[in-house]
Structures are given as C-alpha cells and as structure tokens.
Amino acid sequence: MAADETVQQARTALVDAFEAWYTALLDKAAKEEDAAEEFERVMAERVMSSDPESAAFHAARREAGRFAKAAPASAFAGRKSGGIQARKTEQKTRAFFGLE
C-alpha cells in the first residue's frame, strides 16, 4: 500500500512540475510574440507617417520576407528544370480548363 501511495505522489508531483514548466513556456512565447507585434505596429506607423501610399508595398514585402524565412532561396538553388516543369504543368492545366 505504501508503494502505491508513493507512486501516486510522484505522479502528482511530475504532472504539477510539467504544468508549471509548460505555463512558463507559453508565457515566454506570448511575450516574444507581443514584442514582434509591437515592432510591426511601430514600423507600420512609421511608414504611414512618411508615405501612406507605400503602406501596401511594405506590407507585401514583409509578408514576402516571412515566406523567404520559411523557404530560403538556397532551397531552390539549381532547380531550374523544376521551374520549367512547373510552368509546363500550369500551361497544360490552363489549356485543359480552356483558360488560354
């Protein structure tokens, strides 16, 4: 009986420690995200104050930068034939659906 109680106490302590660690991890991630959002807001305000007509351009460039981080240009190096094949496939698809 004592061994069962010890196991249950250890299990409870483990779950409590995990929950504390996970909560701290989420808090840290939220703070980092908030800092990034704050930076984006400040940059958008700067663009709007200096040249409001370029806001769409800067937003698109920022989104393109996020995509570039997800798939760096080096990932596509030496894949010219893949691009050619993709264009051929697009042409065939457009022709199939009568879009050309």
N, C-alpha and C. Protein backbone atom coordinates (compact mmCIF):
# COMPACT_ATOMS: atom_id res chain seq x y z
N MET A 1 0.81 -1.19 0.00
CA MET A 1 0.00 0.00 0.00
C MET A 1 0.86 1.26 0.00
N ALA A 2 1.94 1.25 0.72
CA ALA A 2 2.83 2.42 0.79
C ALA A 2 3.47 2.70 -0.56
N ALA A 3 3.78 1.65 -1.31
CA ALA A 3 4.39 1.83 -2.62
C ALA A 3 3.41 2.50 -3.58
N ASP A 4 2.12 2.12 -3.52
CA ASP A 4 1.10 2.73 -4.37
C ASP A 4 0.95 4.22 -4.06
N GLU A 5 0.98 4.56 -2.80
CA GLU A 5 0.87 5.97 -2.41
C GLU A 5 2.09 6.76 -2.88
N THR A 6 3.25 6.16 -2.77
CA THR A 6 4.48 6.82 -3.22
C THR A 6 4.45 7.06 -4.73
N VAL A 7 3.98 6.06 -5.47
CA VAL A 7 3.88 6.20 -6.93
C VAL A 7 2.89 7.31 -7.27
N GLN A 8 1.75 7.35 -6.59
CA GLN A 8 0.74 8.37 -6.86
C GLN A 8 1.28 9.77 -6.52
N GLN A 9 2.02 9.89 -5.42
CA GLN A 9 2.60 11.19 -5.05
C GLN A 9 3.63 11.62 -6.10
N ALA A 10 4.44 10.69 -6.57
CA ALA A 10 5.45 11.01 -7.58
C ALA A 10 4.77 11.43 -8.88
N ARG A 11 3.70 10.73 -9.26
CA ARG A 11 2.95 11.06 -10.47
C ARG A 11 2.35 12.46 -10.36
N THR A 12 1.76 12.78 -9.22
CA THR A 12 1.17 14.10 -9.00
C THR A 12 2.24 15.18 -9.07
N ALA A 13 3.39 14.93 -8.44
CA ALA A 13 4.48 15.90 -8.47
C ALA A 13 4.99 16.11 -9.89
N LEU A 14 5.08 15.05 -10.67
CA LEU A 14 5.54 15.14 -12.05
C LEU A 14 4.57 15.97 -12.90
N VAL A 15 3.29 15.70 -12.75
CA VAL A 15 2.28 16.45 -13.50
C VAL A 15 2.30 17.93 -13.10
N ASP A 16 2.42 18.21 -11.83
CA ASP A 16 2.48 19.59 -11.36
C ASP A 16 3.71 20.31 -11.92
N ALA A 17 4.85 19.63 -11.91
CA ALA A 17 6.08 20.23 -12.44
C ALA A 17 5.96 20.48 -13.94
N PHE A 18 5.35 19.54 -14.65
CA PHE A 18 5.17 19.72 -16.10
C PHE A 18 4.24 20.90 -16.38
N GLU A 19 3.15 21.01 -15.65
CA GLU A 19 2.21 22.12 -15.86
C GLU A 19 2.88 23.46 -15.59
N ALA A 20 3.70 23.54 -14.57
CA ALA A 20 4.41 24.78 -14.26
C ALA A 20 5.39 25.13 -15.38
N TRP A 21 6.12 24.14 -15.87
CA TRP A 21 7.07 24.37 -16.96
C TRP A 21 6.34 24.81 -18.22
N TYR A 22 5.26 24.13 -18.56
CA TYR A 22 4.52 24.43 -19.78
C TYR A 22 3.90 25.83 -19.71
N THR A 23 3.36 26.20 -18.57
CA THR A 23 2.79 27.54 -18.40
C THR A 23 3.87 28.61 -18.57
N ALA A 24 5.04 28.38 -18.01
CA ALA A 24 6.15 29.33 -18.16
C ALA A 24 6.58 29.43 -19.62
N LEU A 25 6.59 28.30 -20.32
CA LEU A 25 6.95 28.29 -21.74
C LEU A 25 5.95 29.09 -22.57
N LEU A 26 4.66 28.92 -22.31
CA LEU A 26 3.63 29.66 -23.03
C LEU A 26 3.72 31.15 -22.74
N ASP A 27 3.98 31.50 -21.48
CA ASP A 27 4.13 32.91 -21.12
C ASP A 27 5.29 33.55 -21.86
N LYS A 28 6.40 32.84 -21.94
CA LYS A 28 7.58 33.36 -22.63
C LYS A 28 7.27 33.55 -24.11
N ALA A 29 6.59 32.59 -24.74
CA ALA A 29 6.24 32.70 -26.16
C ALA A 29 5.29 33.87 -26.39
N ALA A 30 4.35 34.08 -25.50
CA ALA A 30 3.40 35.18 -25.64
C ALA A 30 4.12 36.52 -25.55
N LYS A 31 5.09 36.63 -24.64
CA LYS A 31 5.84 37.88 -24.51
C LYS A 31 6.66 38.16 -25.76
N GLU A 32 7.28 37.12 -26.33
CA GLU A 32 8.07 37.31 -27.55
C GLU A 32 7.17 37.70 -28.71
N GLU A 33 6.00 37.08 -28.80
CA GLU A 33 5.07 37.41 -29.87
C GLU A 33 4.58 38.84 -29.72
N ASP A 34 4.30 39.25 -28.49
CA ASP A 34 3.86 40.61 -28.26
C ASP A 34 4.92 41.62 -28.69
N ALA A 35 6.18 41.32 -28.45
CA ALA A 35 7.25 42.21 -28.86
C ALA A 35 7.31 42.31 -30.38
N ALA A 36 7.12 41.19 -31.07
CA ALA A 36 7.13 41.21 -32.53
C ALA A 36 5.95 41.99 -33.07
N GLU A 37 4.78 41.82 -32.47
CA GLU A 37 3.61 42.57 -32.90
C GLU A 37 3.80 44.06 -32.65
N GLU A 38 4.39 44.40 -31.53
CA GLU A 38 4.67 45.81 -31.22
C GLU A 38 5.61 46.41 -32.25
N PHE A 39 6.64 45.67 -32.62
CA PHE A 39 7.59 46.14 -33.63
C PHE A 39 6.88 46.37 -34.96
N GLU A 40 6.04 45.43 -35.37
CA GLU A 40 5.31 45.59 -36.63
C GLU A 40 4.40 46.81 -36.59
N ARG A 41 3.75 47.04 -35.47
CA ARG A 41 2.87 48.20 -35.34
C ARG A 41 3.66 49.50 -35.46
N VAL A 42 4.80 49.57 -34.80
CA VAL A 42 5.63 50.77 -34.86
C VAL A 42 6.14 51.00 -36.29
N MET A 43 6.55 49.94 -36.96
CA MET A 43 7.02 50.08 -38.34
C MET A 43 5.89 50.53 -39.27
N ALA A 44 4.69 50.00 -39.07
CA ALA A 44 3.55 50.42 -39.89
C ALA A 44 3.23 51.88 -39.66
N GLU A 45 3.30 52.33 -38.40
CA GLU A 45 3.06 53.75 -38.11
C GLU A 45 4.11 54.63 -38.77
N ARG A 46 5.35 54.18 -38.76
CA ARG A 46 6.43 54.95 -39.39
C ARG A 46 6.18 55.09 -40.89
N VAL A 47 5.80 54.01 -41.52
CA VAL A 47 5.54 54.04 -42.97
C VAL A 47 4.34 54.94 -43.27
N MET A 48 3.29 54.81 -42.46
CA MET A 48 2.09 55.61 -42.70
C MET A 48 2.36 57.10 -42.51
N SER A 49 3.24 57.44 -41.58
CA SER A 49 3.52 58.86 -41.35
C SER A 49 4.41 59.45 -42.44
N SER A 50 5.30 58.63 -43.00
CA SER A 50 6.21 59.16 -44.01
C SER A 50 5.65 59.07 -45.42
N ASP A 51 4.99 57.95 -45.76
CA ASP A 51 4.45 57.78 -47.11
C ASP A 51 3.28 56.79 -47.07
N PRO A 52 2.07 57.28 -46.82
CA PRO A 52 0.92 56.38 -46.67
C PRO A 52 0.62 55.54 -47.91
N GLU A 53 0.97 56.05 -49.09
CA GLU A 53 0.68 55.31 -50.32
C GLU A 53 1.54 54.06 -50.45
N SER A 54 2.64 53.99 -49.75
CA SER A 54 3.52 52.83 -49.86
C SER A 54 3.23 51.76 -48.80
N ALA A 55 2.18 51.95 -48.01
CA ALA A 55 1.87 51.00 -46.93
C ALA A 55 1.61 49.60 -47.49
N ALA A 56 0.87 49.50 -48.58
CA ALA A 56 0.57 48.19 -49.16
C ALA A 56 1.86 47.51 -49.64
N PHE A 57 2.75 48.29 -50.24
CA PHE A 57 4.02 47.73 -50.70
C PHE A 57 4.81 47.16 -49.53
N HIS A 58 4.91 47.94 -48.45
CA HIS A 58 5.69 47.48 -47.30
C HIS A 58 5.06 46.27 -46.63
N ALA A 59 3.72 46.22 -46.59
CA ALA A 59 3.05 45.05 -46.02
C ALA A 59 3.33 43.81 -46.87
N ALA A 60 3.29 43.96 -48.19
CA ALA A 60 3.57 42.82 -49.07
C ALA A 60 5.02 42.38 -48.95
N ARG A 61 5.93 43.33 -48.83
CA ARG A 61 7.35 42.99 -48.67
C ARG A 61 7.59 42.25 -47.37
N ARG A 62 6.88 42.66 -46.31
CA ARG A 62 7.01 41.99 -45.02
C ARG A 62 6.50 40.55 -45.12
N GLU A 63 5.38 40.35 -45.79
CA GLU A 63 4.84 39.00 -45.98
C GLU A 63 5.78 38.15 -46.83
N ALA A 64 6.38 38.75 -47.85
CA ALA A 64 7.33 38.01 -48.69
C ALA A 64 8.55 37.62 -47.86
N GLY A 65 8.95 38.47 -46.95
CA GLY A 65 10.08 38.14 -46.06
C GLY A 65 9.76 36.96 -45.17
N ARG A 66 8.52 36.88 -44.71
CA ARG A 66 8.12 35.73 -43.90
C ARG A 66 8.18 34.46 -44.72
N PHE A 67 7.76 34.53 -45.97
CA PHE A 67 7.81 33.35 -46.84
C PHE A 67 9.26 32.96 -47.10
N ALA A 68 10.12 33.96 -47.30
CA ALA A 68 11.53 33.67 -47.57
C ALA A 68 12.17 32.97 -46.37
N LYS A 69 11.74 33.34 -45.16
CA LYS A 69 12.28 32.68 -43.98
C LYS A 69 11.80 31.22 -43.93
N ALA A 70 10.59 30.99 -44.38
CA ALA A 70 10.06 29.63 -44.35
C ALA A 70 10.75 28.75 -45.39
N ALA A 71 11.07 29.34 -46.54
CA ALA A 71 11.72 28.58 -47.62
C ALA A 71 12.83 29.45 -48.20
N PRO A 72 14.05 29.34 -47.68
CA PRO A 72 15.14 30.18 -48.17
C PRO A 72 15.45 29.92 -49.64
N ALA A 73 15.97 30.94 -50.29
CA ALA A 73 16.28 30.84 -51.71
C ALA A 73 17.25 29.69 -51.99
N SER A 74 18.13 29.40 -51.06
CA SER A 74 19.09 28.31 -51.28
C SER A 74 18.40 26.95 -51.41
N ALA A 75 17.17 26.86 -50.91
CA ALA A 75 16.44 25.61 -51.04
C ALA A 75 16.06 25.32 -52.48
N PHE A 76 16.01 26.38 -53.29
CA PHE A 76 15.60 26.22 -54.68
C PHE A 76 16.78 26.32 -55.65
N ALA A 77 17.98 26.43 -55.13
CA ALA A 77 19.16 26.58 -55.98
C ALA A 77 19.34 25.35 -56.86
N GLY A 78 19.63 25.59 -58.13
CA GLY A 78 19.89 24.50 -59.05
C GLY A 78 18.66 23.73 -59.46
N ARG A 79 17.52 24.34 -59.35
CA ARG A 79 16.29 23.63 -59.68
C ARG A 79 15.57 24.31 -60.85
N LYS A 80 16.33 24.74 -61.81
CA LYS A 80 15.76 25.41 -62.96
C LYS A 80 14.81 24.48 -63.70
N SER A 81 15.18 23.23 -63.85
CA SER A 81 14.33 22.29 -64.57
C SER A 81 13.00 22.09 -63.85
N GLY A 82 13.01 22.17 -62.53
CA GLY A 82 11.76 22.05 -61.78
C GLY A 82 10.82 23.21 -62.07
N GLY A 83 11.38 24.40 -62.20
CA GLY A 83 10.58 25.58 -62.54
C GLY A 83 10.00 25.46 -63.94
N ILE A 84 10.83 24.97 -64.85
CA ILE A 84 10.35 24.78 -66.23
C ILE A 84 9.21 23.77 -66.24
N GLN A 85 9.37 22.70 -65.50
CA GLN A 85 8.33 21.68 -65.44
C GLN A 85 7.05 22.25 -64.82
N ALA A 86 7.20 23.08 -63.80
CA ALA A 86 6.03 23.68 -63.17
C ALA A 86 5.28 24.57 -64.15
N ARG A 87 6.01 25.36 -64.95
CA ARG A 87 5.36 26.21 -65.95
C ARG A 87 4.64 25.38 -67.00
N LYS A 88 5.25 24.27 -67.43
CA LYS A 88 4.60 23.40 -68.41
C LYS A 88 3.31 22.82 -67.83
N THR A 89 3.36 22.42 -66.57
CA THR A 89 2.17 21.88 -65.92
C THR A 89 1.08 22.94 -65.82
N GLU A 90 1.46 24.18 -65.49
CA GLU A 90 0.49 25.27 -65.43
C GLU A 90 -0.14 25.51 -66.79
N GLN A 91 0.67 25.49 -67.85
CA GLN A 91 0.15 25.69 -69.20
C GLN A 91 -0.83 24.58 -69.57
N LYS A 92 -0.50 23.34 -69.26
CA LYS A 92 -1.39 22.22 -69.56
C LYS A 92 -2.70 22.35 -68.79
N THR A 93 -2.60 22.76 -67.53
CA THR A 93 -3.80 22.92 -66.72
C THR A 93 -4.70 24.01 -67.28
N ARG A 94 -4.09 25.15 -67.65
CA ARG A 94 -4.88 26.25 -68.24
C ARG A 94 -5.53 25.80 -69.54
N ALA A 95 -4.79 25.07 -70.36
CA ALA A 95 -5.32 24.59 -71.63
C ALA A 95 -6.46 23.61 -71.38
N PHE A 96 -6.32 22.74 -70.41
CA PHE A 96 -7.34 21.75 -70.09
C PHE A 96 -8.66 22.42 -69.69
N PHE A 97 -8.56 23.50 -68.92
CA PHE A 97 -9.76 24.18 -68.45
C PHE A 97 -10.19 25.30 -69.40
N GLY A 98 -9.51 25.44 -70.54
CA GLY A 98 -9.88 26.43 -71.54
C GLY A 98 -9.60 27.86 -71.11
N LEU A 99 -8.57 28.06 -70.33
CA LEU A 99 -8.23 29.40 -69.86
C LEU A 99 -7.21 30.09 -70.73
N GLU A 100 -6.75 29.44 -71.79
CA GLU A 100 -5.77 30.07 -72.67
C GLU A 100 -6.42 30.49 -73.95
